[in-house]
Each structure stands twice: as C-alpha cells, then as structure tokens.
Amino acid sequence: MSPADITSSPAAADHARLVARNARLRRDNQQLRQHLQLAIASIQRLTLEARQLRTQLEAATNVTRIGTGSPHIGPDAGRTVGKWARKERTLPPLCTARGV
C-alpha cells in the first residue's frame, strides 16, 4: 500500500472530516462562551442600573419601598413602613373581611 493510498482511503477522509468538524465545534463553543459572558455582564449592569433608578425614583417621589418577598428574607427584612410603623408596628391588612 503506497502513501497516496493511505491519505485517500475512506478512513482518512472520515478522520479529516472529524478533525475539521471538531475544530469548527471548538470555535463555535468559544464564541458561544464569549456571548454568554457578554450577556451575563449586561444583565449585571442592567440590574445595578435598575436598582439605582428605583432608588432615585423612590427618593424623588418620597416613596418607601415595601419588600416583595417574605418579610423574613431580603433587604427589607424586619423593616416596618410609613405611618403604621410609628403607630402599630404592623402593616394594615391588604384584604377586606369578605376575604377579597
């Protein structure tokens, strides 16, 4: 078998295709990783910007933020709000006696 026969064999052609495909997949993977890092950085920047804008809006309108989660979790944990905090130390009920 001559060297020309080895490089033109079906196995060599399959191997060359696999090597080329592997190289393309590695490039694609690297590009996707870069896009992911850019997306993460954008989300982090937008999160910080939204928090800053919310704080500025609350300060400009003299509004106190009420936590959206559990009263025992998060930055507002244990914090009471507005005139109810000074009087009763609890917030008023959010529904009527009819259960609405």
PDB file of N, CA and C in Angstrom:
ATOM      1  N   MET A   1       0.854  -1.172   0.000  1.00  0.00           N
ATOM      2  CA  MET A   1       0.000   0.000   0.000  1.00  0.00           C
ATOM      3  C   MET A   1       0.902   1.238   0.000  1.00  0.00           C
ATOM      4  N   SER A   2       0.655   2.155  -0.902  1.00  0.00           N
ATOM      5  CA  SER A   2       1.502   3.338  -1.028  1.00  0.00           C
ATOM      6  C   SER A   2       0.985   4.468  -0.138  1.00  0.00           C
ATOM      7  N   PRO A   3       1.813   5.472   0.174  1.00  0.00           N
ATOM      8  CA  PRO A   3       1.375   6.615   0.981  1.00  0.00           C
ATOM      9  C   PRO A   3       0.189   7.347   0.361  1.00  0.00           C
ATOM     10  N   ALA A   4       0.090   7.376  -0.944  1.00  0.00           N
ATOM     11  CA  ALA A   4      -1.041   8.038  -1.607  1.00  0.00           C
ATOM     12  C   ALA A   4      -2.339   7.298  -1.305  1.00  0.00           C
ATOM     13  N   ASP A   5      -2.257   5.965  -1.231  1.00  0.00           N
ATOM     14  CA  ASP A   5      -3.453   5.181  -0.927  1.00  0.00           C
ATOM     15  C   ASP A   5      -3.932   5.421   0.502  1.00  0.00           C
ATOM     16  N   ILE A   6      -3.001   5.638   1.418  1.00  0.00           N
ATOM     17  CA  ILE A   6      -3.367   5.857   2.828  1.00  0.00           C
ATOM     18  C   ILE A   6      -4.107   7.183   2.990  1.00  0.00           C
ATOM     19  N   THR A   7      -3.634   8.244   2.362  1.00  0.00           N
ATOM     20  CA  THR A   7      -4.263   9.564   2.525  1.00  0.00           C
ATOM     21  C   THR A   7      -5.573   9.673   1.774  1.00  0.00           C
ATOM     22  N   SER A   8      -5.808   8.810   0.793  1.00  0.00           N
ATOM     23  CA  SER A   8      -7.052   8.881   0.043  1.00  0.00           C
ATOM     24  C   SER A   8      -8.045   7.799   0.455  1.00  0.00           C
ATOM     25  N   SER A   9      -7.734   7.064   1.484  1.00  0.00           N
ATOM     26  CA  SER A   9      -8.626   5.997   1.925  1.00  0.00           C
ATOM     27  C   SER A   9      -9.875   6.591   2.580  1.00  0.00           C
ATOM     28  N   PRO A  10     -10.969   5.845   2.615  1.00  0.00           N
ATOM     29  CA  PRO A  10     -12.197   6.336   3.262  1.00  0.00           C
ATOM     30  C   PRO A  10     -11.998   6.652   4.744  1.00  0.00           C
ATOM     31  N   ALA A  11     -11.182   5.875   5.420  1.00  0.00           N
ATOM     32  CA  ALA A  11     -10.936   6.122   6.842  1.00  0.00           C
ATOM     33  C   ALA A  11     -10.202   7.446   7.037  1.00  0.00           C
ATOM     34  N   ALA A  12      -9.257   7.747   6.162  1.00  0.00           N
ATOM     35  CA  ALA A  12      -8.520   9.004   6.264  1.00  0.00           C
ATOM     36  C   ALA A  12      -9.442  10.181   5.969  1.00  0.00           C
ATOM     37  N   ALA A  13     -10.331  10.020   5.019  1.00  0.00           N
ATOM     38  CA  ALA A  13     -11.288  11.089   4.692  1.00  0.00           C
ATOM     39  C   ALA A  13     -12.246  11.313   5.864  1.00  0.00           C
ATOM     40  N   ASP A  14     -12.704  10.229   6.472  1.00  0.00           N
ATOM     41  CA  ASP A  14     -13.577  10.350   7.652  1.00  0.00           C
ATOM     42  C   ASP A  14     -12.857  11.053   8.790  1.00  0.00           C
ATOM     43  N   HIS A  15     -11.595  10.663   8.981  1.00  0.00           N
ATOM     44  CA  HIS A  15     -10.799  11.283  10.043  1.00  0.00           C
ATOM     45  C   HIS A  15     -10.615  12.785   9.782  1.00  0.00           C
ATOM     46  N   ALA A  16     -10.326  13.136   8.544  1.00  0.00           N
ATOM     47  CA  ALA A  16     -10.142  14.551   8.199  1.00  0.00           C
ATOM     48  C   ALA A  16     -11.442  15.336   8.433  1.00  0.00           C
ATOM     49  N   ARG A  17     -12.571  14.740   8.076  1.00  0.00           N
ATOM     50  CA  ARG A  17     -13.871  15.402   8.309  1.00  0.00           C
ATOM     51  C   ARG A  17     -14.115  15.584   9.807  1.00  0.00           C
ATOM     52  N   LEU A  18     -13.799  14.566  10.589  1.00  0.00           N
ATOM     53  CA  LEU A  18     -13.999  14.664  12.041  1.00  0.00           C
ATOM     54  C   LEU A  18     -13.095  15.724  12.661  1.00  0.00           C
ATOM     55  N   VAL A  19     -11.850  15.791  12.206  1.00  0.00           N
ATOM     56  CA  VAL A  19     -10.926  16.802  12.721  1.00  0.00           C
ATOM     57  C   VAL A  19     -11.438  18.199  12.382  1.00  0.00           C
ATOM     58  N   ALA A  20     -11.893  18.392  11.145  1.00  0.00           N
ATOM     59  CA  ALA A  20     -12.426  19.698  10.730  1.00  0.00           C
ATOM     60  C   ALA A  20     -13.690  20.043  11.517  1.00  0.00           C
ATOM     61  N   ARG A  21     -14.564  19.053  11.702  1.00  0.00           N
ATOM     62  CA  ARG A  21     -15.805  19.298  12.456  1.00  0.00           C
ATOM     63  C   ARG A  21     -15.491  19.634  13.911  1.00  0.00           C
ATOM     64  N   ASN A  22     -14.545  18.922  14.486  1.00  0.00           N
ATOM     65  CA  ASN A  22     -14.146  19.174  15.867  1.00  0.00           C
ATOM     66  C   ASN A  22     -13.594  20.593  16.018  1.00  0.00           C
ATOM     67  N   ALA A  23     -12.772  21.021  15.068  1.00  0.00           N
ATOM     68  CA  ALA A  23     -12.215  22.379  15.116  1.00  0.00           C
ATOM     69  C   ALA A  23     -13.331  23.418  15.010  1.00  0.00           C
ATOM     70  N   ARG A  24     -14.313  23.180  14.120  1.00  0.00           N
ATOM     71  CA  ARG A  24     -15.440  24.114  13.977  1.00  0.00           C
ATOM     72  C   ARG A  24     -16.269  24.165  15.256  1.00  0.00           C
ATOM     73  N   LEU A  25     -16.522  23.010  15.851  1.00  0.00           N
ATOM     74  CA  LEU A  25     -17.288  22.967  17.097  1.00  0.00           C
ATOM     75  C   LEU A  25     -16.556  23.681  18.225  1.00  0.00           C
ATOM     76  N   ARG A  26     -15.256  23.540  18.286  1.00  0.00           N
ATOM     77  CA  ARG A  26     -14.482  24.250  19.309  1.00  0.00           C
ATOM     78  C   ARG A  26     -14.571  25.766  19.124  1.00  0.00           C
ATOM     79  N   ARG A  27     -14.474  26.224  17.855  1.00  0.00           N
ATOM     80  CA  ARG A  27     -14.615  27.664  17.584  1.00  0.00           C
ATOM     81  C   ARG A  27     -16.011  28.159  17.959  1.00  0.00           C
ATOM     82  N   ASP A  28     -17.030  27.386  17.567  1.00  0.00           N
ATOM     83  CA  ASP A  28     -18.414  27.763  17.902  1.00  0.00           C
ATOM     84  C   ASP A  28     -18.623  27.809  19.412  1.00  0.00           C
ATOM     85  N   ASN A  29     -18.073  26.823  20.094  1.00  0.00           N
ATOM     86  CA  ASN A  29     -18.194  26.771  21.552  1.00  0.00           C
ATOM     87  C   ASN A  29     -17.542  27.994  22.190  1.00  0.00           C
ATOM     88  N   GLN A  30     -16.347  28.354  21.717  1.00  0.00           N
ATOM     89  CA  GLN A  30     -15.651  29.522  22.251  1.00  0.00           C
ATOM     90  C   GLN A  30     -16.462  30.796  22.012  1.00  0.00           C
ATOM     91  N   GLN A  31     -17.033  30.910  20.824  1.00  0.00           N
ATOM     92  CA  GLN A  31     -17.845  32.088  20.506  1.00  0.00           C
ATOM     93  C   GLN A  31     -19.088  32.147  21.398  1.00  0.00           C
ATOM     94  N   LEU A  32     -19.727  31.013  21.623  1.00  0.00           N
ATOM     95  CA  LEU A  32     -20.900  30.972  22.499  1.00  0.00           C
ATOM     96  C   LEU A  32     -20.534  31.333  23.939  1.00  0.00           C
ATOM     97  N   ARG A  33     -19.384  30.889  24.390  1.00  0.00           N
ATOM     98  CA  ARG A  33     -18.923  31.248  25.739  1.00  0.00           C
ATOM     99  C   ARG A  33     -18.701  32.753  25.859  1.00  0.00           C
ATOM    100  N   GLN A  34     -18.142  33.361  24.804  1.00  0.00           N
ATOM    101  CA  GLN A  34     -17.947  34.809  24.820  1.00  0.00           C
ATOM    102  C   GLN A  34     -19.287  35.536  24.844  1.00  0.00           C
ATOM    103  N   HIS A  35     -20.246  35.060  24.049  1.00  0.00           N
ATOM    104  CA  HIS A  35     -21.583  35.669  24.053  1.00  0.00           C
ATOM    105  C   HIS A  35     -22.242  35.536  25.416  1.00  0.00           C
ATOM    106  N   LEU A  36     -22.062  34.384  26.048  1.00  0.00           N
ATOM    107  CA  LEU A  36     -22.628  34.167  27.372  1.00  0.00           C
ATOM    108  C   LEU A  36     -22.025  35.131  28.387  1.00  0.00           C
ATOM    109  N   GLN A  37     -20.712  35.316  28.340  1.00  0.00           N
ATOM    110  CA  GLN A  37     -20.062  36.254  29.257  1.00  0.00           C
ATOM    111  C   GLN A  37     -20.567  37.673  29.034  1.00  0.00           C
ATOM    112  N   LEU A  38     -20.762  38.070  27.779  1.00  0.00           N
ATOM    113  CA  LEU A  38     -21.298  39.399  27.481  1.00  0.00           C
ATOM    114  C   LEU A  38     -22.727  39.537  28.001  1.00  0.00           C
ATOM    115  N   ALA A  39     -23.524  38.487  27.846  1.00  0.00           N
ATOM    116  CA  ALA A  39     -24.905  38.527  28.327  1.00  0.00           C
ATOM    117  C   ALA A  39     -24.936  38.633  29.852  1.00  0.00           C
ATOM    118  N   ILE A  40     -24.091  37.897  30.531  1.00  0.00           N
ATOM    119  CA  ILE A  40     -24.024  37.957  31.999  1.00  0.00           C
ATOM    120  C   ILE A  40     -23.640  39.360  32.449  1.00  0.00           C
ATOM    121  N   ALA A  41     -22.634  39.933  31.796  1.00  0.00           N
ATOM    122  CA  ALA A  41     -22.201  41.292  32.155  1.00  0.00           C
ATOM    123  C   ALA A  41     -23.317  42.301  31.907  1.00  0.00           C
ATOM    124  N   SER A  42     -24.058  42.132  30.829  1.00  0.00           N
ATOM    125  CA  SER A  42     -25.169  43.048  30.530  1.00  0.00           C
ATOM    126  C   SER A  42     -26.269  42.931  31.569  1.00  0.00           C
ATOM    127  N   ILE A  43     -26.593  41.717  31.967  1.00  0.00           N
ATOM    128  CA  ILE A  43     -27.627  41.511  32.983  1.00  0.00           C
ATOM    129  C   ILE A  43     -27.190  42.128  34.308  1.00  0.00           C
ATOM    130  N   GLN A  44     -25.942  41.945  34.673  1.00  0.00           N
ATOM    131  CA  GLN A  44     -25.444  42.530  35.917  1.00  0.00           C
ATOM    132  C   GLN A  44     -25.508  44.056  35.866  1.00  0.00           C
ATOM    133  N   ARG A  45     -25.092  44.634  34.732  1.00  0.00           N
ATOM    134  CA  ARG A  45     -25.116  46.090  34.589  1.00  0.00           C
ATOM    135  C   ARG A  45     -26.550  46.612  34.639  1.00  0.00           C
ATOM    136  N   LEU A  46     -27.464  45.940  33.941  1.00  0.00           N
ATOM    137  CA  LEU A  46     -28.860  46.376  33.933  1.00  0.00           C
ATOM    138  C   LEU A  46     -29.505  46.235  35.311  1.00  0.00           C
ATOM    139  N   THR A  47     -29.132  45.202  36.047  1.00  0.00           N
ATOM    140  CA  THR A  47     -29.647  45.018  37.395  1.00  0.00           C
ATOM    141  C   THR A  47     -29.210  46.158  38.302  1.00  0.00           C
ATOM    142  N   LEU A  48     -27.938  46.504  38.236  1.00  0.00           N
ATOM    143  CA  LEU A  48     -27.438  47.615  39.056  1.00  0.00           C
ATOM    144  C   LEU A  48     -28.078  48.930  38.633  1.00  0.00           C
ATOM    145  N   GLU A  49     -28.228  49.131  37.332  1.00  0.00           N
ATOM    146  CA  GLU A  49     -28.841  50.363  36.830  1.00  0.00           C
ATOM    147  C   GLU A  49     -30.303  50.459  37.269  1.00  0.00           C
ATOM    148  N   ALA A  50     -31.037  49.352  37.197  1.00  0.00           N
ATOM    149  CA  ALA A  50     -32.432  49.346  37.615  1.00  0.00           C
ATOM    150  C   ALA A  50     -32.555  49.647  39.108  1.00  0.00           C
ATOM    151  N   ARG A  51     -31.664  49.076  39.915  1.00  0.00           N
ATOM    152  CA  ARG A  51     -31.685  49.328  41.355  1.00  0.00           C
ATOM    153  C   ARG A  51     -31.414  50.805  41.640  1.00  0.00           C
ATOM    154  N   GLN A  52     -30.442  51.372  40.929  1.00  0.00           N
ATOM    155  CA  GLN A  52     -30.122  52.785  41.122  1.00  0.00           C
ATOM    156  C   GLN A  52     -31.288  53.675  40.684  1.00  0.00           C
ATOM    157  N   LEU A  53     -31.909  53.352  39.558  1.00  0.00           N
ATOM    158  CA  LEU A  53     -33.044  54.146  39.090  1.00  0.00           C
ATOM    159  C   LEU A  53     -34.236  54.036  40.045  1.00  0.00           C
ATOM    160  N   ARG A  54     -34.466  52.830  40.579  1.00  0.00           N
ATOM    161  CA  ARG A  54     -35.560  52.645  41.536  1.00  0.00           C
ATOM    162  C   ARG A  54     -35.320  53.482  42.787  1.00  0.00           C
ATOM    163  N   THR A  55     -34.080  53.476  43.263  1.00  0.00           N
ATOM    164  CA  THR A  55     -33.732  54.263  44.444  1.00  0.00           C
ATOM    165  C   THR A  55     -33.923  55.752  44.174  1.00  0.00           C
ATOM    166  N   GLN A  56     -33.492  56.211  43.007  1.00  0.00           N
ATOM    167  CA  GLN A  56     -33.671  57.621  42.653  1.00  0.00           C
ATOM    168  C   GLN A  56     -35.148  57.980  42.548  1.00  0.00           C
ATOM    169  N   LEU A  57     -35.944  57.084  41.966  1.00  0.00           N
ATOM    170  CA  LEU A  57     -37.377  57.337  41.839  1.00  0.00           C
ATOM    171  C   LEU A  57     -38.047  57.391  43.203  1.00  0.00           C
ATOM    172  N   GLU A  58     -37.692  56.476  44.080  1.00  0.00           N
ATOM    173  CA  GLU A  58     -38.264  56.473  45.420  1.00  0.00           C
ATOM    174  C   GLU A  58     -37.901  57.747  46.170  1.00  0.00           C
ATOM    175  N   ALA A  59     -36.672  58.186  46.030  1.00  0.00           N
ATOM    176  CA  ALA A  59     -36.235  59.416  46.702  1.00  0.00           C
ATOM    177  C   ALA A  59     -36.942  60.630  46.113  1.00  0.00           C
ATOM    178  N   ALA A  60     -37.125  60.661  44.797  1.00  0.00           N
ATOM    179  CA  ALA A  60     -37.759  61.804  44.141  1.00  0.00           C
ATOM    180  C   ALA A  60     -39.244  61.900  44.464  1.00  0.00           C
ATOM    181  N   THR A  61     -39.908  60.766  44.680  1.00  0.00           N
ATOM    182  CA  THR A  61     -41.343  60.756  44.945  1.00  0.00           C
ATOM    183  C   THR A  61     -41.659  60.555  46.420  1.00  0.00           C
ATOM    184  N   ASN A  62     -40.625  60.453  47.247  1.00  0.00           N
ATOM    185  CA  ASN A  62     -40.785  60.260  48.688  1.00  0.00           C
ATOM    186  C   ASN A  62     -41.619  59.011  48.988  1.00  0.00           C
ATOM    187  N   VAL A  63     -41.297  57.928  48.311  1.00  0.00           N
ATOM    188  CA  VAL A  63     -41.994  56.660  48.487  1.00  0.00           C
ATOM    189  C   VAL A  63     -41.047  55.693  49.166  1.00  0.00           C
ATOM    190  N   THR A  64     -41.570  54.944  50.125  1.00  0.00           N
ATOM    191  CA  THR A  64     -40.779  53.912  50.777  1.00  0.00           C
ATOM    192  C   THR A  64     -41.127  52.584  50.133  1.00  0.00           C
ATOM    193  N   ARG A  65     -40.130  51.825  49.752  1.00  0.00           N
ATOM    194  CA  ARG A  65     -40.346  50.547  49.080  1.00  0.00           C
ATOM    195  C   ARG A  65     -40.773  49.493  50.080  1.00  0.00           C
ATOM    196  N   ILE A  66     -41.778  48.732  49.710  1.00  0.00           N
ATOM    197  CA  ILE A  66     -42.226  47.598  50.509  1.00  0.00           C
ATOM    198  C   ILE A  66     -41.667  46.351  49.841  1.00  0.00           C
ATOM    199  N   GLY A  67     -41.046  45.473  50.610  1.00  0.00           N
ATOM    200  CA  GLY A  67     -40.448  44.267  50.058  1.00  0.00           C
ATOM    201  C   GLY A  67     -41.478  43.426  49.335  1.00  0.00           C
ATOM    202  N   THR A  68     -41.037  42.717  48.298  1.00  0.00           N
ATOM    203  CA  THR A  68     -41.940  41.890  47.509  1.00  0.00           C
ATOM    204  C   THR A  68     -41.903  40.432  47.934  1.00  0.00           C
ATOM    205  N   GLY A  69     -40.955  40.060  48.738  1.00  0.00           N
ATOM    206  CA  GLY A  69     -40.831  38.658  49.140  1.00  0.00           C
ATOM    207  C   GLY A  69     -41.318  38.444  50.554  1.00  0.00           C
ATOM    208  N   SER A  70     -40.818  37.402  51.151  1.00  0.00           N
ATOM    209  CA  SER A  70     -41.149  37.077  52.526  1.00  0.00           C
ATOM    210  C   SER A  70     -40.641  38.183  53.456  1.00  0.00           C
ATOM    211  N   PRO A  71     -41.373  38.482  54.523  1.00  0.00           N
ATOM    212  CA  PRO A  71     -40.909  39.522  55.433  1.00  0.00           C
ATOM    213  C   PRO A  71     -39.632  39.147  56.174  1.00  0.00           C
ATOM    214  N   HIS A  72     -39.229  37.893  56.096  1.00  0.00           N
ATOM    215  CA  HIS A  72     -38.038  37.437  56.814  1.00  0.00           C
ATOM    216  C   HIS A  72     -36.840  37.255  55.895  1.00  0.00           C
ATOM    217  N   ILE A  73     -37.002  37.581  54.609  1.00  0.00           N
ATOM    218  CA  ILE A  73     -35.935  37.375  53.644  1.00  0.00           C
ATOM    219  C   ILE A  73     -35.708  38.667  52.876  1.00  0.00           C
ATOM    220  N   GLY A  74     -34.462  38.982  52.593  1.00  0.00           N
ATOM    221  CA  GLY A  74     -34.161  40.097  51.712  1.00  0.00           C
ATOM    222  C   GLY A  74     -33.774  41.362  52.437  1.00  0.00           C
ATOM    223  N   PRO A  75     -33.516  42.430  51.663  1.00  0.00           N
ATOM    224  CA  PRO A  75     -33.019  43.670  52.254  1.00  0.00           C
ATOM    225  C   PRO A  75     -34.041  44.389  53.123  1.00  0.00           C
ATOM    226  N   ASP A  76     -35.338  44.092  52.952  1.00  0.00           N
ATOM    227  CA  ASP A  76     -36.377  44.767  53.728  1.00  0.00           C
ATOM    228  C   ASP A  76     -36.819  43.955  54.947  1.00  0.00           C
ATOM    229  N   ALA A  77     -36.106  42.893  55.263  1.00  0.00           N
ATOM    230  CA  ALA A  77     -36.495  42.015  56.361  1.00  0.00           C
ATOM    231  C   ALA A  77     -36.555  42.782  57.675  1.00  0.00           C
ATOM    232  N   GLY A  78     -37.674  42.660  58.343  1.00  0.00           N
ATOM    233  CA  GLY A  78     -37.843  43.284  59.639  1.00  0.00           C
ATOM    234  C   GLY A  78     -38.103  44.775  59.598  1.00  0.00           C
ATOM    235  N   ARG A  79     -38.182  45.344  58.418  1.00  0.00           N
ATOM    236  CA  ARG A  79     -38.387  46.773  58.300  1.00  0.00           C
ATOM    237  C   ARG A  79     -39.885  47.078  58.279  1.00  0.00           C
ATOM    238  N   THR A  80     -40.306  48.056  59.053  1.00  0.00           N
ATOM    239  CA  THR A  80     -41.693  48.471  59.029  1.00  0.00           C
ATOM    240  C   THR A  80     -41.806  49.718  58.174  1.00  0.00           C
ATOM    241  N   VAL A  81     -43.003  50.023  57.714  1.00  0.00           N
ATOM    242  CA  VAL A  81     -43.166  51.036  56.693  1.00  0.00           C
ATOM    243  C   VAL A  81     -44.148  52.128  57.122  1.00  0.00           C
ATOM    244  N   GLY A  82     -43.767  53.374  56.828  1.00  0.00           N
ATOM    245  CA  GLY A  82     -44.667  54.520  56.908  1.00  0.00           C
ATOM    246  C   GLY A  82     -45.268  54.791  58.266  1.00  0.00           C
ATOM    247  N   LYS A  83     -46.452  55.417  58.252  1.00  0.00           N
ATOM    248  CA  LYS A  83     -47.108  55.827  59.496  1.00  0.00           C
ATOM    249  C   LYS A  83     -47.492  54.637  60.371  1.00  0.00           C
ATOM    250  N   TRP A  84     -47.738  53.476  59.741  1.00  0.00           N
ATOM    251  CA  TRP A  84     -48.104  52.296  60.531  1.00  0.00           C
ATOM    252  C   TRP A  84     -46.933  51.838  61.396  1.00  0.00           C
ATOM    253  N   ALA A  85     -45.736  52.071  60.934  1.00  0.00           N
ATOM    254  CA  ALA A  85     -44.561  51.668  61.702  1.00  0.00           C
ATOM    255  C   ALA A  85     -44.468  52.461  62.997  1.00  0.00           C
ATOM    256  N   ARG A  86     -44.851  53.720  62.949  1.00  0.00           N
ATOM    257  CA  ARG A  86     -44.761  54.547  64.147  1.00  0.00           C
ATOM    258  C   ARG A  86     -45.896  54.238  65.123  1.00  0.00           C
ATOM    259  N   LYS A  87     -47.060  53.882  64.625  1.00  0.00           N
ATOM    260  CA  LYS A  87     -48.210  53.676  65.497  1.00  0.00           C
ATOM    261  C   LYS A  87     -48.326  52.229  65.973  1.00  0.00           C
ATOM    262  N   GLU A  88     -48.601  51.335  65.050  1.00  0.00           N
ATOM    263  CA  GLU A  88     -48.964  49.981  65.447  1.00  0.00           C
ATOM    264  C   GLU A  88     -47.835  48.964  65.329  1.00  0.00           C
ATOM    265  N   ARG A  89     -46.774  49.292  64.639  1.00  0.00           N
ATOM    266  CA  ARG A  89     -45.661  48.382  64.385  1.00  0.00           C
ATOM    267  C   ARG A  89     -46.058  47.226  63.461  1.00  0.00           C
ATOM    268  N   THR A  90     -47.210  47.299  62.832  1.00  0.00           N
ATOM    269  CA  THR A  90     -47.612  46.303  61.841  1.00  0.00           C
ATOM    270  C   THR A  90     -48.239  47.032  60.663  1.00  0.00           C
ATOM    271  N   LEU A  91     -48.311  46.356  59.554  1.00  0.00           N
ATOM    272  CA  LEU A  91     -48.941  46.931  58.380  1.00  0.00           C
ATOM    273  C   LEU A  91     -50.435  46.629  58.399  1.00  0.00           C
ATOM    274  N   PRO A  92     -51.272  47.464  57.771  1.00  0.00           N
ATOM    275  CA  PRO A  92     -52.701  47.206  57.735  1.00  0.00           C
ATOM    276  C   PRO A  92     -52.986  45.994  56.853  1.00  0.00           C
ATOM    277  N   PRO A  93     -54.131  45.332  57.072  1.00  0.00           N
ATOM    278  CA  PRO A  93     -54.455  44.172  56.230  1.00  0.00           C
ATOM    279  C   PRO A  93     -54.677  44.630  54.788  1.00  0.00           C
ATOM    280  N   LEU A  94     -54.348  43.738  53.859  1.00  0.00           N
ATOM    281  CA  LEU A  94     -54.492  44.053  52.451  1.00  0.00           C
ATOM    282  C   LEU A  94     -55.832  43.580  51.874  1.00  0.00           C
ATOM    283  N   CYS A  95     -56.654  42.899  52.630  1.00  0.00           N
ATOM    284  CA  CYS A  95     -57.931  42.436  52.125  1.00  0.00           C
ATOM    285  C   CYS A  95     -59.040  42.805  53.100  1.00  0.00           C
ATOM    286  N   THR A  96     -60.279  42.715  52.630  1.00  0.00           N
ATOM    287  CA  THR A  96     -61.425  43.049  53.461  1.00  0.00           C
ATOM    288  C   THR A  96     -61.876  41.815  54.240  1.00  0.00           C
ATOM    289  N   ALA A  97     -62.867  41.993  55.095  1.00  0.00           N
ATOM    290  CA  ALA A  97     -63.371  40.887  55.903  1.00  0.00           C
ATOM    291  C   ALA A  97     -64.036  39.834  55.046  1.00  0.00           C
ATOM    292  N   ARG A  98     -64.457  40.203  53.821  1.00  0.00           N
ATOM    293  CA  ARG A  98     -65.100  39.221  52.927  1.00  0.00           C
ATOM    294  C   ARG A  98     -64.086  38.265  52.313  1.00  0.00           C
ATOM    295  N   GLY A  99     -62.822  38.465  52.570  1.00  0.00           N
ATOM    296  CA  GLY A  99     -61.803  37.560  52.041  1.00  0.00           C
ATOM    297  C   GLY A  99     -61.338  37.926  50.646  1.00  0.00           C
ATOM    298  N   VAL A 100     -61.593  39.134  50.217  1.00  0.00           N
ATOM    299  CA  VAL A 100     -61.188  39.565  48.873  1.00  0.00           C
ATOM    300  C   VAL A 100     -59.802  40.155  48.933  1.00  0.00           C
TER     301      VAL A 100
END
